[in-house]
Protein backbone atom coordinates (compact mmCIF):
# COMPACT_ATOMS: atom_id res chain seq x y z
CA UNK A 1 -39.85 -4.59 -10.34
CA UNK A 2 -36.45 -4.68 -12.08
CA UNK A 3 -35.84 -1.96 -14.63
CA UNK A 4 -33.86 -4.06 -17.06
CA UNK A 5 -33.75 -1.57 -19.92
CA UNK A 6 -32.56 1.28 -17.68
CA UNK A 7 -29.72 -0.79 -16.29
CA UNK A 8 -28.66 -1.97 -19.76
CA UNK A 9 -28.68 1.63 -20.97
CA UNK A 10 -26.51 2.78 -18.06
CA UNK A 11 -24.18 -0.15 -18.70
CA UNK A 12 -23.83 0.95 -22.31
CA UNK A 13 -22.86 4.46 -21.19
CA UNK A 14 -20.19 3.08 -18.86
CA UNK A 15 -18.86 0.81 -21.61
CA UNK A 16 -18.62 3.65 -24.13
CA UNK A 17 -16.84 5.90 -21.61
CA UNK A 18 -14.40 3.12 -20.77
CA UNK A 19 -13.58 2.41 -24.43
CA UNK A 20 -13.15 6.11 -25.22
CA UNK A 21 -10.86 6.55 -22.22
CA UNK A 22 -8.85 3.51 -23.27
CA UNK A 23 -8.50 4.82 -26.83
CA UNK A 24 -7.43 8.29 -25.66
CA UNK A 25 -4.85 6.78 -23.33
CA UNK A 26 -3.49 4.57 -26.09
CA UNK A 27 -3.27 7.53 -28.50
CA UNK A 28 -1.53 9.71 -25.90
CA UNK A 29 1.11 7.09 -25.17
CA UNK A 30 1.60 6.36 -28.87
CA UNK A 31 2.17 10.06 -29.61
CA UNK A 32 4.55 10.31 -26.68
CA UNK A 33 6.61 7.38 -27.97
CA UNK A 34 6.65 8.90 -31.46
CA UNK A 35 7.93 12.23 -30.13
CA UNK A 36 10.59 10.49 -28.08
CA UNK A 37 11.72 8.53 -31.12
CA UNK A 38 11.87 11.67 -33.24
CA UNK A 39 13.95 13.43 -30.61
CA UNK A 40 16.35 10.50 -30.55
CA UNK A 41 16.70 10.53 -34.32
CA UNK A 42 17.01 14.34 -34.56
CA UNK A 43 18.81 15.64 -31.47
CA UNK A 44 18.74 19.19 -32.81
CA UNK A 45 14.97 19.18 -32.32
CA UNK A 46 15.28 18.59 -28.59
CA UNK A 47 15.10 21.51 -26.14
CA UNK A 48 18.40 23.09 -25.20
CA UNK A 49 19.22 24.95 -22.04
CA UNK A 50 19.12 28.75 -21.84
CA UNK A 51 22.90 29.03 -21.81
CA UNK A 52 23.29 27.32 -25.17
CA UNK A 53 20.59 29.50 -26.72
CA UNK A 54 22.15 32.64 -25.34
CA UNK A 55 25.62 31.80 -26.68
CA UNK A 56 24.30 31.08 -30.15
CA UNK A 57 21.27 33.24 -30.63
CA UNK A 58 21.19 33.08 -34.42
CA UNK A 59 20.07 29.43 -34.35
CA UNK A 60 16.57 28.40 -33.32
CA UNK A 61 15.07 24.99 -32.63
CA UNK A 62 12.95 25.11 -35.74
CA UNK A 63 13.36 23.72 -39.24
CA UNK A 64 15.22 26.63 -40.85
CA UNK A 65 18.23 26.33 -43.15
CA UNK A 66 21.06 28.47 -41.82
CA UNK A 67 24.27 29.54 -43.62
CA UNK A 68 27.46 27.83 -42.45
CA UNK A 69 29.25 29.54 -39.63
CA UNK A 70 32.95 30.46 -39.69
CA UNK A 71 34.96 28.50 -37.12
CA UNK A 72 36.78 31.62 -35.93
CA UNK A 73 33.65 33.72 -35.53
CA UNK A 74 33.24 32.87 -31.86
CA UNK A 75 36.78 33.88 -31.02
CA UNK A 76 36.67 37.11 -33.04
CA UNK A 77 35.79 40.28 -31.08
CA UNK A 78 33.76 41.35 -34.10
CA UNK A 79 31.82 38.08 -34.45
CA UNK A 80 28.46 39.77 -34.22
CA UNK A 81 29.58 42.50 -36.60
CA UNK A 82 30.60 39.93 -39.17
CA UNK A 83 27.19 38.36 -39.15
CA UNK A 84 25.12 41.52 -38.70
CA UNK A 85 27.04 44.56 -40.07
CA UNK A 86 25.31 47.77 -39.15
CA UNK A 87 27.05 50.22 -41.45
CA UNK A 88 29.54 50.36 -44.27
CA UNK A 89 32.53 51.15 -42.02
CA UNK A 90 31.96 48.12 -39.85
CA UNK A 91 31.58 45.95 -42.92
CA UNK A 92 34.82 47.28 -44.40
CA UNK A 93 36.70 46.66 -41.17
CA UNK A 94 35.44 43.11 -40.94
CA UNK A 95 36.36 42.37 -44.53
CA UNK A 96 39.86 43.85 -44.18
CA UNK A 97 40.41 41.82 -41.00
CA UNK A 98 39.64 38.63 -42.89
CA UNK A 99 41.82 39.49 -45.85
CA UNK A 100 41.31 39.03 -49.54
CA UNK A 101 42.18 35.33 -49.46
CA UNK A 102 39.62 34.50 -46.77
CA UNK A 103 36.49 33.13 -48.34
CA UNK A 104 33.22 34.78 -47.37
CA UNK A 105 31.24 32.03 -45.71
CA UNK A 106 28.03 34.00 -45.49
CA UNK A 107 25.19 33.10 -47.81
CA UNK A 108 25.03 35.16 -51.01
CA UNK A 109 22.87 38.21 -50.57
CA UNK A 110 21.51 41.06 -52.56
CA UNK A 111 20.99 44.56 -51.21
CA UNK A 112 21.27 45.21 -47.48
CA UNK A 113 18.10 46.19 -45.73
CA UNK A 114 17.82 49.97 -45.43
CA UNK A 115 16.42 49.79 -41.92
CA UNK A 116 18.80 47.53 -40.01
CA UNK A 117 21.56 47.00 -42.54
CA UNK A 118 21.26 43.21 -42.49
CA UNK A 119 21.24 41.16 -45.65
CA UNK A 120 18.21 39.52 -47.20
CA UNK A 121 18.90 35.96 -45.96
CA UNK A 122 19.55 37.26 -42.44
CA UNK A 123 16.28 39.16 -42.41
CA UNK A 124 14.36 36.17 -43.74
CA UNK A 125 15.95 33.97 -41.10
CA UNK A 126 14.91 36.32 -38.32
CA UNK A 127 11.43 36.63 -39.81
CA UNK A 128 11.04 32.87 -39.78
CA UNK A 129 12.35 32.87 -36.22
CA UNK A 130 9.76 35.42 -35.14
CA UNK A 131 6.94 33.60 -36.89
CA UNK A 132 7.86 30.32 -35.28
CA UNK A 133 8.14 31.97 -31.89
CA UNK A 134 4.70 33.51 -32.32
CA UNK A 135 3.20 30.18 -33.28
CA UNK A 136 4.75 28.00 -30.61
CA UNK A 137 5.08 30.57 -27.82
CA UNK A 138 8.61 29.40 -27.01
CA UNK A 139 11.12 28.73 -29.75
CA UNK A 140 13.28 26.62 -27.44
CA UNK A 141 10.55 24.14 -26.63
CA UNK A 142 9.21 21.74 -29.28
CA UNK A 143 5.43 21.23 -29.37
CA UNK A 144 4.40 18.78 -26.70
CA UNK A 145 2.30 15.92 -27.95
CA UNK A 146 1.29 12.83 -26.11
CA UNK A 147 2.56 11.47 -22.83
CA UNK A 148 6.09 10.42 -22.16
CA UNK A 149 5.79 7.11 -20.23
CA UNK A 150 9.08 7.81 -18.50
CA UNK A 151 7.65 10.99 -16.95
CA UNK A 152 4.91 9.09 -15.08
CA UNK A 153 5.62 7.61 -11.68
CA UNK A 154 4.26 4.20 -10.70
CA UNK A 155 2.20 5.78 -7.94
CA UNK A 156 0.54 8.17 -10.38
CA UNK A 157 -0.42 5.37 -12.75
CA UNK A 158 -1.68 3.10 -9.96
CA UNK A 159 -3.77 5.90 -8.46
CA UNK A 160 -5.25 6.76 -11.85
CA UNK A 161 -6.20 3.15 -12.64
CA UNK A 162 -7.65 2.50 -9.18
CA UNK A 163 -9.66 5.72 -9.18
CA UNK A 164 -11.10 5.46 -12.70
CA UNK A 165 -12.05 1.79 -12.55
CA UNK A 166 -13.22 2.02 -8.96
CA UNK A 167 -15.47 4.92 -9.92
CA UNK A 168 -16.94 2.98 -12.83
CA UNK A 169 -17.57 0.01 -10.54
CA UNK A 170 -19.42 2.21 -8.05
CA UNK A 171 -21.58 3.60 -10.87
CA UNK A 172 -22.53 0.09 -11.98
CA UNK A 173 -23.31 -1.07 -8.46
CA UNK A 174 -25.38 2.06 -7.83
CA UNK A 175 -27.24 1.48 -11.10
CA UNK A 176 -27.97 -2.14 -10.10
CA UNK A 177 -29.39 -1.03 -6.75
CA UNK A 178 -31.38 1.82 -8.31
CA UNK A 179 -32.93 -0.39 -10.99
CA UNK A 180 -33.60 -3.26 -8.55
CA UNK A 181 -31.62 -5.82 -10.52
CA UNK A 182 -31.70 -9.16 -8.64
CA UNK A 183 -28.26 -10.35 -7.44
CA UNK A 184 -28.73 -13.69 -9.20
CA UNK A 185 -28.75 -11.93 -12.58
CA UNK A 186 -25.31 -10.56 -11.74
CA UNK A 187 -24.05 -13.97 -10.64
CA UNK A 188 -24.00 -13.03 -6.95
CA UNK A 189 -25.21 -15.17 -4.04
CA UNK A 190 -24.81 -14.48 -0.34
CA UNK A 191 -24.03 -17.94 1.01
CA UNK A 192 -21.05 -19.82 2.41
CA UNK A 193 -21.22 -22.47 -0.31
CA UNK A 194 -21.08 -19.75 -2.97
CA UNK A 195 -17.98 -18.27 -1.33
CA UNK A 196 -16.18 -21.62 -1.03
CA UNK A 197 -17.01 -22.72 -4.56
CA UNK A 198 -16.01 -19.37 -5.99
CA UNK A 199 -12.63 -19.35 -4.29
CA UNK A 200 -11.76 -22.96 -5.15
CA UNK A 201 -12.95 -22.98 -8.76
CA UNK A 202 -11.64 -19.49 -9.33
CA UNK A 203 -8.15 -20.42 -8.13
CA UNK A 204 -7.97 -23.55 -10.27
CA UNK A 205 -9.33 -21.77 -13.33
CA UNK A 206 -7.07 -18.74 -12.79
CA UNK A 207 -3.88 -20.80 -12.75
CA UNK A 208 -4.97 -22.72 -15.85
CA UNK A 209 -5.94 -19.53 -17.69
CA UNK A 210 -2.65 -17.90 -16.78
CA UNK A 211 -0.65 -20.79 -18.21
CA UNK A 212 -2.75 -20.80 -21.40
CA UNK A 213 -2.43 -17.02 -21.70
CA UNK A 214 1.36 -17.16 -21.38
CA UNK A 215 1.59 -20.02 -23.86
CA UNK A 216 -0.51 -18.13 -26.43
CA UNK A 217 1.61 -14.99 -26.06
CA UNK A 218 4.82 -17.01 -26.32
CA UNK A 219 3.65 -18.75 -29.50
CA UNK A 220 2.65 -15.41 -31.02
CA UNK A 221 6.07 -13.96 -30.14
CA UNK A 222 7.75 -17.01 -31.66
CA UNK A 223 6.08 -16.20 -34.99
CA UNK A 224 7.18 -12.57 -34.90
CA UNK A 225 4.17 -10.89 -33.30
CA UNK A 226 5.21 -8.61 -30.45
CA UNK A 227 3.19 -8.36 -27.27
CA UNK A 228 3.16 -4.83 -25.87
CA UNK A 229 4.05 -4.76 -22.17
CA UNK A 230 4.26 -0.99 -21.65
CA UNK A 231 1.25 -0.71 -19.34
CA UNK A 232 2.39 -3.58 -17.15
CA UNK A 233 5.85 -2.05 -16.88
CA UNK A 234 4.33 1.29 -15.87
CA UNK A 235 2.23 -0.37 -13.17
CA UNK A 236 5.12 -2.47 -11.90
CA UNK A 237 6.18 -1.24 -8.42
CA UNK A 238 9.74 -0.96 -7.14
CA UNK A 239 9.13 -1.35 -3.40
CA UNK A 240 7.42 -3.73 -0.98
CA UNK A 241 4.79 -1.12 -0.23
CA UNK A 242 4.12 -0.68 -3.95
CA UNK A 243 3.72 -4.43 -4.45
CA UNK A 244 1.24 -4.62 -1.58
CA UNK A 245 -0.73 -1.73 -3.04
CA UNK A 246 -0.77 -3.38 -6.45
CA UNK A 247 -1.64 -6.93 -5.36
CA UNK A 248 -4.08 -6.07 -2.58
CA UNK A 249 -5.59 -2.87 -3.91
CA UNK A 250 -5.34 -2.07 -7.60
CA UNK A 251 -5.56 -5.55 -9.17
CA UNK A 252 -8.64 -6.60 -7.13
CA UNK A 253 -10.37 -3.38 -8.23
CA UNK A 254 -9.50 -4.05 -11.87
CA UNK A 255 -10.67 -7.67 -11.77
CA UNK A 256 -13.84 -6.84 -9.87
CA UNK A 257 -14.88 -3.97 -12.14
CA UNK A 258 -14.08 -5.67 -15.45
CA UNK A 259 -15.92 -8.86 -14.51
CA UNK A 260 -18.86 -6.85 -13.20
CA UNK A 261 -19.06 -4.99 -16.49
CA UNK A 262 -18.08 -7.51 -19.17
CA UNK A 263 -19.56 -10.64 -17.64
CA UNK A 264 -22.32 -9.75 -15.16
CA UNK A 265 -23.73 -6.57 -16.72
CA UNK A 266 -23.22 -7.40 -20.40
CA UNK A 267 -24.13 -11.11 -20.22
CA UNK A 268 -26.01 -11.97 -17.03
CA UNK A 269 -28.47 -9.07 -16.94
CA UNK A 270 -29.57 -9.06 -20.63
CA UNK A 271 -29.89 -12.85 -20.58
CA UNK A 272 -32.05 -12.79 -17.44
CA UNK A 273 -34.10 -9.74 -18.37
CA UNK A 274 -34.67 -10.20 -22.09
CA UNK A 275 -34.07 -13.91 -22.69
CA UNK A 276 -31.15 -13.32 -25.07
CA UNK A 277 -28.78 -16.25 -25.58
CA UNK A 278 -25.88 -15.80 -23.14
CA UNK A 279 -23.47 -17.33 -25.67
CA UNK A 280 -24.36 -14.69 -28.23
CA UNK A 281 -23.85 -12.03 -25.57
CA UNK A 282 -20.51 -13.63 -24.69
CA UNK A 283 -19.21 -12.97 -28.21
CA UNK A 284 -20.09 -9.28 -28.12
CA UNK A 285 -18.77 -8.93 -24.57
CA UNK A 286 -15.46 -10.55 -25.51
CA UNK A 287 -15.00 -8.21 -28.47
CA UNK A 288 -15.59 -5.20 -26.23
CA UNK A 289 -13.24 -6.69 -23.63
CA UNK A 290 -10.50 -7.03 -26.26
CA UNK A 291 -10.97 -3.48 -27.56
CA UNK A 292 -10.59 -2.15 -24.04
CA UNK A 293 -7.04 -3.55 -23.92
CA UNK A 294 -5.67 -1.85 -27.02
CA UNK A 295 -2.50 -0.73 -25.24
CA UNK A 296 -1.31 -4.35 -25.27
CA UNK A 297 -0.88 -4.31 -29.05
CA UNK A 298 -2.47 -6.51 -31.67
CA UNK A 299 -1.32 -9.74 -30.05
CA UNK A 300 -2.54 -8.55 -26.67
CA UNK A 301 -5.94 -7.69 -28.11
CA UNK A 302 -6.35 -11.15 -29.67
CA UNK A 303 -5.14 -13.01 -26.58
CA UNK A 304 -7.27 -10.84 -24.30
CA UNK A 305 -10.33 -11.42 -26.49
CA UNK A 306 -9.86 -15.20 -26.25
CA UNK A 307 -9.37 -14.96 -22.50
CA UNK A 308 -12.51 -12.86 -22.26
CA UNK A 309 -14.57 -15.48 -24.07
CA UNK A 310 -13.22 -18.25 -21.82
CA UNK A 311 -14.11 -16.19 -18.73
CA UNK A 312 -17.56 -15.59 -20.21
CA UNK A 313 -18.02 -19.33 -20.72
CA UNK A 314 -17.05 -20.01 -17.10
CA UNK A 315 -19.53 -17.35 -15.95
CA UNK A 316 -22.33 -18.89 -18.00
CA UNK A 317 -21.62 -22.44 -16.86
CA UNK A 318 -21.11 -21.71 -13.15
CA UNK A 319 -23.44 -18.72 -12.84
CA UNK A 320 -20.93 -17.25 -10.38
CA UNK A 321 -19.37 -13.82 -10.62
CA UNK A 322 -16.90 -14.67 -7.86
CA UNK A 323 -15.33 -17.49 -9.89
CA UNK A 324 -14.43 -15.23 -12.79
CA UNK A 325 -13.29 -12.39 -10.51
CA UNK A 326 -10.84 -14.68 -8.72
CA UNK A 327 -9.69 -16.18 -12.03
CA UNK A 328 -9.16 -12.76 -13.58
CA UNK A 329 -7.26 -11.51 -10.54
CA UNK A 330 -4.90 -14.50 -10.54
CA UNK A 331 -4.12 -14.09 -14.24
CA UNK A 332 -3.12 -10.46 -13.71
CA UNK A 333 -1.29 -11.04 -10.43
CA UNK A 334 0.73 -13.98 -11.74
CA UNK A 335 1.76 -11.96 -14.81
CA UNK A 336 3.13 -9.17 -12.61
CA UNK A 337 4.85 -11.47 -10.14
CA UNK A 338 6.42 -13.74 -12.76
CA UNK A 339 7.43 -11.13 -15.36
CA UNK A 340 8.19 -8.06 -13.26
CA UNK A 341 8.93 -9.58 -9.85
CA UNK A 342 10.84 -12.71 -10.84
CA UNK A 343 11.86 -11.33 -14.27
CA UNK A 344 10.99 -14.61 -15.94
CA UNK A 345 10.11 -14.61 -19.63
CA UNK A 346 8.07 -17.54 -20.90
CA UNK A 347 8.75 -16.74 -24.57
CA UNK A 348 12.52 -16.86 -24.17
CA UNK A 349 12.33 -20.04 -22.09
CA UNK A 350 10.10 -21.88 -24.57
CA UNK A 351 12.18 -20.74 -27.51
CA UNK A 352 15.39 -21.86 -25.79
């Protein structure tokens, strides 16, 4: 006897894990972009090599106001003495070498420290330096937050996507077998007619959905709403082998898992097991489907939510999981081939 409630509960766990993972990934990439932008705006905050730090040890990569430095201090054999006099004789020699007319460019100070002879501002500067070094562990390295997209290779991203979504798909399939869910509730049938119909209808629907998806994104861009393409650019390969891996390995896994979760498990099973209206389930499933694509930006979330509802409608009408899997795969594959392979932009073409 099918254990409908158990399967629905396991499906909910998988959905929550997927949405949490998607949110964490989006936050990590957003923080990485913010750090990269801050480094571009404030180059002094970026890490410097050891040589630069060694040559100019009185400056640290932290937000500390430093007194201006004399241009001839580097060339002077007493440069360090000028900045950090250790006794009165050294200070007198440095002052006489500069002459009475030479302005003292050091910050005004009060009484020299009795321990090391350095002035108050110098001691406070070094104290701030030490405190920052204690806090960060390395004064030359800014705190690392987020993920820099440029540091990730295409192979790493492809492997991560294939592994995570493939693992989730195996969990759902194992749960369906364990709870004895009938294949018909998932939209699966083991017949030649089912295979032929799924391939034909899926291909036709996929091409139509791709065109509608591109048109919606182009219209949104025309009105000033940007469509984030960062994830697609990260997954885009730069070799024949990479393209084969993407088109024949990663994208089928993505389409198969997402349709199994958002259409079969969230619509087909509750409708068959509890008699809930599949159209009502389609609304909730489409919202969850949109939230799982937050990295595509606000426009991407809206367009993806609409696409999810259309795929849900096709699943309800045809009762076939294969149709929506093929459709979903073609939408993704055509986007990669057209945008990244052929470098064709629908928005620019329609606007022109």
